[in-house]
Amino acid sequence: MLYYALVFLIVGLVAGALGLAGVAAVASQIAWVLFLIGIILLVIHVARGHTPPVL
């Protein structure tokens, strides 16, 4: 998830450098949403911890 956020961030930065403000805005919004989802999933994963399987 964070990988895709980084990809969209780079796309947004390149689009912004090329003067494509609309594309840059959309890409940065997508990157922000994916980053938040990734952080939420990380917090859930850490909070649950690792429990051994029940046999």
PDB file of N, CA and C in Angstrom:
ATOM      1  N   MET A   1       0.837  -1.185   0.000  1.00  0.00           N
ATOM      2  CA  MET A   1       0.000   0.000   0.000  1.00  0.00           C
ATOM      3  C   MET A   1       0.884   1.252   0.000  1.00  0.00           C
ATOM      4  N   LEU A   2       1.886   1.248   0.860  1.00  0.00           N
ATOM      5  CA  LEU A   2       2.765   2.413   0.910  1.00  0.00           C
ATOM      6  C   LEU A   2       3.594   2.545  -0.366  1.00  0.00           C
ATOM      7  N   TYR A   3       3.853   1.423  -1.031  1.00  0.00           N
ATOM      8  CA  TYR A   3       4.567   1.464  -2.309  1.00  0.00           C
ATOM      9  C   TYR A   3       3.765   2.259  -3.337  1.00  0.00           C
ATOM     10  N   TYR A   4       2.470   1.977  -3.418  1.00  0.00           N
ATOM     11  CA  TYR A   4       1.627   2.696  -4.369  1.00  0.00           C
ATOM     12  C   TYR A   4       1.489   4.167  -3.997  1.00  0.00           C
ATOM     13  N   ALA A   5       1.477   4.461  -2.715  1.00  0.00           N
ATOM     14  CA  ALA A   5       1.437   5.856  -2.292  1.00  0.00           C
ATOM     15  C   ALA A   5       2.692   6.577  -2.765  1.00  0.00           C
ATOM     16  N   LEU A   6       3.837   5.909  -2.658  1.00  0.00           N
ATOM     17  CA  LEU A   6       5.088   6.511  -3.119  1.00  0.00           C
ATOM     18  C   LEU A   6       5.082   6.694  -4.632  1.00  0.00           C
ATOM     19  N   VAL A   7       4.538   5.730  -5.358  1.00  0.00           N
ATOM     20  CA  VAL A   7       4.462   5.846  -6.820  1.00  0.00           C
ATOM     21  C   VAL A   7       3.599   7.038  -7.219  1.00  0.00           C
ATOM     22  N   PHE A   8       2.429   7.178  -6.590  1.00  0.00           N
ATOM     23  CA  PHE A   8       1.562   8.306  -6.926  1.00  0.00           C
ATOM     24  C   PHE A   8       2.182   9.636  -6.498  1.00  0.00           C
ATOM     25  N   LEU A   9       2.939   9.633  -5.415  1.00  0.00           N
ATOM     26  CA  LEU A   9       3.632  10.849  -4.999  1.00  0.00           C
ATOM     27  C   LEU A   9       4.654  11.270  -6.050  1.00  0.00           C
ATOM     28  N   ILE A  10       5.409  10.319  -6.558  1.00  0.00           N
ATOM     29  CA  ILE A  10       6.404  10.629  -7.591  1.00  0.00           C
ATOM     30  C   ILE A  10       5.722  11.096  -8.868  1.00  0.00           C
ATOM     31  N   VAL A  11       4.613  10.442  -9.242  1.00  0.00           N
ATOM     32  CA  VAL A  11       3.857  10.879 -10.423  1.00  0.00           C
ATOM     33  C   VAL A  11       3.374  12.310 -10.232  1.00  0.00           C
ATOM     34  N   GLY A  12       2.885  12.608  -9.035  1.00  0.00           N
ATOM     35  CA  GLY A  12       2.419  13.968  -8.758  1.00  0.00           C
ATOM     36  C   GLY A  12       3.540  14.994  -8.826  1.00  0.00           C
ATOM     37  N   LEU A  13       4.701  14.640  -8.302  1.00  0.00           N
ATOM     38  CA  LEU A  13       5.841  15.563  -8.348  1.00  0.00           C
ATOM     39  C   LEU A  13       6.316  15.802  -9.776  1.00  0.00           C
ATOM     40  N   VAL A  14       6.375  14.744 -10.574  1.00  0.00           N
ATOM     41  CA  VAL A  14       6.794  14.893 -11.972  1.00  0.00           C
ATOM     42  C   VAL A  14       5.761  15.705 -12.748  1.00  0.00           C
ATOM     43  N   ALA A  15       4.488  15.413 -12.520  1.00  0.00           N
ATOM     44  CA  ALA A  15       3.438  16.164 -13.214  1.00  0.00           C
ATOM     45  C   ALA A  15       3.468  17.632 -12.800  1.00  0.00           C
ATOM     46  N   GLY A  16       3.718  17.898 -11.532  1.00  0.00           N
ATOM     47  CA  GLY A  16       3.820  19.282 -11.081  1.00  0.00           C
ATOM     48  C   GLY A  16       5.004  19.999 -11.703  1.00  0.00           C
ATOM     49  N   ALA A  17       6.121  19.288 -11.842  1.00  0.00           N
ATOM     50  CA  ALA A  17       7.299  19.890 -12.462  1.00  0.00           C
ATOM     51  C   ALA A  17       7.072  20.184 -13.941  1.00  0.00           C
ATOM     52  N   LEU A  18       6.229  19.374 -14.573  1.00  0.00           N
ATOM     53  CA  LEU A  18       5.939  19.585 -15.993  1.00  0.00           C
ATOM     54  C   LEU A  18       4.801  20.579 -16.220  1.00  0.00           C
ATOM     55  N   GLY A  19       4.204  21.071 -15.146  1.00  0.00           N
ATOM     56  CA  GLY A  19       3.156  22.070 -15.275  1.00  0.00           C
ATOM     57  C   GLY A  19       1.763  21.495 -15.431  1.00  0.00           C
ATOM     58  N   LEU A  20       1.584  20.235 -15.144  1.00  0.00           N
ATOM     59  CA  LEU A  20       0.267  19.599 -15.244  1.00  0.00           C
ATOM     60  C   LEU A  20      -0.391  19.630 -13.873  1.00  0.00           C
ATOM     61  N   ALA A  21      -0.953  20.765 -13.530  1.00  0.00           N
ATOM     62  CA  ALA A  21      -1.469  20.980 -12.176  1.00  0.00           C
ATOM     63  C   ALA A  21      -2.621  20.043 -11.836  1.00  0.00           C
ATOM     64  N   GLY A  22      -3.491  19.774 -12.767  1.00  0.00           N
ATOM     65  CA  GLY A  22      -4.634  18.899 -12.500  1.00  0.00           C
ATOM     66  C   GLY A  22      -4.205  17.478 -12.202  1.00  0.00           C
ATOM     67  N   VAL A  23      -3.300  16.962 -13.010  1.00  0.00           N
ATOM     68  CA  VAL A  23      -2.796  15.606 -12.810  1.00  0.00           C
ATOM     69  C   VAL A  23      -2.028  15.526 -11.497  1.00  0.00           C
ATOM     70  N   ALA A  24      -1.244  16.556 -11.203  1.00  0.00           N
ATOM     71  CA  ALA A  24      -0.471  16.573  -9.968  1.00  0.00           C
ATOM     72  C   ALA A  24      -1.386  16.587  -8.745  1.00  0.00           C
ATOM     73  N   ALA A  25      -2.470  17.337  -8.812  1.00  0.00           N
ATOM     74  CA  ALA A  25      -3.399  17.411  -7.689  1.00  0.00           C
ATOM     75  C   ALA A  25      -4.085  16.079  -7.446  1.00  0.00           C
ATOM     76  N   VAL A  26      -4.528  15.435  -8.510  1.00  0.00           N
ATOM     77  CA  VAL A  26      -5.200  14.144  -8.377  1.00  0.00           C
ATOM     78  C   VAL A  26      -4.225  13.096  -7.853  1.00  0.00           C
ATOM     79  N   ALA A  27      -3.022  13.060  -8.397  1.00  0.00           N
ATOM     80  CA  ALA A  27      -2.030  12.071  -7.975  1.00  0.00           C
ATOM     81  C   ALA A  27      -1.639  12.280  -6.512  1.00  0.00           C
ATOM     82  N   SER A  28      -1.524  13.525  -6.085  1.00  0.00           N
ATOM     83  CA  SER A  28      -1.154  13.769  -4.697  1.00  0.00           C
ATOM     84  C   SER A  28      -2.292  13.400  -3.744  1.00  0.00           C
ATOM     85  N   GLN A  29      -3.536  13.598  -4.165  1.00  0.00           N
ATOM     86  CA  GLN A  29      -4.668  13.187  -3.328  1.00  0.00           C
ATOM     87  C   GLN A  29      -4.732  11.663  -3.205  1.00  0.00           C
ATOM     88  N   ILE A  30      -4.509  10.970  -4.307  1.00  0.00           N
ATOM     89  CA  ILE A  30      -4.499   9.509  -4.262  1.00  0.00           C
ATOM     90  C   ILE A  30      -3.366   9.021  -3.374  1.00  0.00           C
ATOM     91  N   ALA A  31      -2.194   9.643  -3.499  1.00  0.00           N
ATOM     92  CA  ALA A  31      -1.049   9.259  -2.671  1.00  0.00           C
ATOM     93  C   ALA A  31      -1.365   9.467  -1.196  1.00  0.00           C
ATOM     94  N   TRP A  32      -2.019  10.568  -0.862  1.00  0.00           N
ATOM     95  CA  TRP A  32      -2.351  10.860   0.538  1.00  0.00           C
ATOM     96  C   TRP A  32      -3.329   9.827   1.101  1.00  0.00           C
ATOM     97  N   VAL A  33      -4.346   9.479   0.322  1.00  0.00           N
ATOM     98  CA  VAL A  33      -5.329   8.491   0.774  1.00  0.00           C
ATOM     99  C   VAL A  33      -4.675   7.125   0.962  1.00  0.00           C
ATOM    100  N   LEU A  34      -3.848   6.706   0.005  1.00  0.00           N
ATOM    101  CA  LEU A  34      -3.167   5.421   0.127  1.00  0.00           C
ATOM    102  C   LEU A  34      -2.212   5.414   1.309  1.00  0.00           C
ATOM    103  N   PHE A  35      -1.550   6.530   1.560  1.00  0.00           N
ATOM    104  CA  PHE A  35      -0.652   6.628   2.709  1.00  0.00           C
ATOM    105  C   PHE A  35      -1.433   6.464   4.009  1.00  0.00           C
ATOM    106  N   LEU A  36      -2.567   7.128   4.129  1.00  0.00           N
ATOM    107  CA  LEU A  36      -3.376   7.004   5.339  1.00  0.00           C
ATOM    108  C   LEU A  36      -3.892   5.583   5.531  1.00  0.00           C
ATOM    109  N   ILE A  37      -4.350   4.950   4.456  1.00  0.00           N
ATOM    110  CA  ILE A  37      -4.822   3.570   4.558  1.00  0.00           C
ATOM    111  C   ILE A  37      -3.678   2.651   4.979  1.00  0.00           C
ATOM    112  N   GLY A  38      -2.496   2.868   4.422  1.00  0.00           N
ATOM    113  CA  GLY A  38      -1.339   2.063   4.792  1.00  0.00           C
ATOM    114  C   GLY A  38      -0.964   2.232   6.246  1.00  0.00           C
ATOM    115  N   ILE A  39      -1.002   3.452   6.751  1.00  0.00           N
ATOM    116  CA  ILE A  39      -0.672   3.702   8.158  1.00  0.00           C
ATOM    117  C   ILE A  39      -1.725   3.066   9.065  1.00  0.00           C
ATOM    118  N   ILE A  40      -2.999   3.162   8.699  1.00  0.00           N
ATOM    119  CA  ILE A  40      -4.062   2.550   9.503  1.00  0.00           C
ATOM    120  C   ILE A  40      -3.881   1.032   9.547  1.00  0.00           C
ATOM    121  N   LEU A  41      -3.582   0.423   8.404  1.00  0.00           N
ATOM    122  CA  LEU A  41      -3.358  -1.022   8.377  1.00  0.00           C
ATOM    123  C   LEU A  41      -2.128  -1.408   9.192  1.00  0.00           C
ATOM    124  N   LEU A  42      -1.087  -0.591   9.155  1.00  0.00           N
ATOM    125  CA  LEU A  42       0.109  -0.848   9.958  1.00  0.00           C
ATOM    126  C   LEU A  42      -0.209  -0.800  11.450  1.00  0.00           C
ATOM    127  N   VAL A  43      -0.968   0.192  11.870  1.00  0.00           N
ATOM    128  CA  VAL A  43      -1.339   0.309  13.287  1.00  0.00           C
ATOM    129  C   VAL A  43      -2.185  -0.891  13.715  1.00  0.00           C
ATOM    130  N   ILE A  44      -3.118  -1.311  12.878  1.00  0.00           N
ATOM    131  CA  ILE A  44      -3.942  -2.481  13.203  1.00  0.00           C
ATOM    132  C   ILE A  44      -3.069  -3.725  13.316  1.00  0.00           C
ATOM    133  N   HIS A  45      -2.138  -3.882  12.398  1.00  0.00           N
ATOM    134  CA  HIS A  45      -1.252  -5.045  12.423  1.00  0.00           C
ATOM    135  C   HIS A  45      -0.399  -5.065  13.688  1.00  0.00           C
ATOM    136  N   VAL A  46       0.149  -3.928  14.053  1.00  0.00           N
ATOM    137  CA  VAL A  46       0.987  -3.851  15.247  1.00  0.00           C
ATOM    138  C   VAL A  46       0.150  -4.055  16.509  1.00  0.00           C
ATOM    139  N   ALA A  47      -1.056  -3.517  16.536  1.00  0.00           N
ATOM    140  CA  ALA A  47      -1.909  -3.635  17.719  1.00  0.00           C
ATOM    141  C   ALA A  47      -2.359  -5.081  17.948  1.00  0.00           C
ATOM    142  N   ARG A  48      -2.618  -5.801  16.878  1.00  0.00           N
ATOM    143  CA  ARG A  48      -3.051  -7.190  17.015  1.00  0.00           C
ATOM    144  C   ARG A  48      -1.921  -8.090  17.460  1.00  0.00           C
ATOM    145  N   GLY A  49      -0.710  -7.769  17.044  1.00  0.00           N
ATOM    146  CA  GLY A  49       0.424  -8.597  17.415  1.00  0.00           C
ATOM    147  C   GLY A  49       0.397  -9.927  16.689  1.00  0.00           C
ATOM    148  N   HIS A  50       1.311 -10.777  17.057  1.00  0.00           N
ATOM    149  CA  HIS A  50       1.382 -12.102  16.440  1.00  0.00           C
ATOM    150  C   HIS A  50       1.045 -13.147  17.485  1.00  0.00           C
ATOM    151  N   THR A  51      -0.004 -13.880  17.226  1.00  0.00           N
ATOM    152  CA  THR A  51      -0.388 -14.954  18.138  1.00  0.00           C
ATOM    153  C   THR A  51      -0.162 -16.281  17.439  1.00  0.00           C
ATOM    154  N   PRO A  52       0.353 -17.265  18.144  1.00  0.00           N
ATOM    155  CA  PRO A  52       0.576 -18.565  17.523  1.00  0.00           C
ATOM    156  C   PRO A  52      -0.750 -19.234  17.175  1.00  0.00           C
ATOM    157  N   PRO A  53      -0.778 -20.028  16.123  1.00  0.00           N
ATOM    158  CA  PRO A  53      -2.031 -20.697  15.743  1.00  0.00           C
ATOM    159  C   PRO A  53      -2.453 -21.706  16.817  1.00  0.00           C
ATOM    160  N   VAL A  54      -3.758 -21.831  16.968  1.00  0.00           N
ATOM    161  CA  VAL A  54      -4.318 -22.763  17.956  1.00  0.00           C
ATOM    162  C   VAL A  54      -4.413 -24.132  17.307  1.00  0.00           C
ATOM    163  N   LEU A  55      -3.855 -25.145  17.956  1.00  0.00           N
ATOM    164  CA  LEU A  55      -3.886 -26.507  17.398  1.00  0.00           C
ATOM    165  C   LEU A  55      -4.991 -27.317  18.002  1.00  0.00           C
TER     166      LEU A  55
END
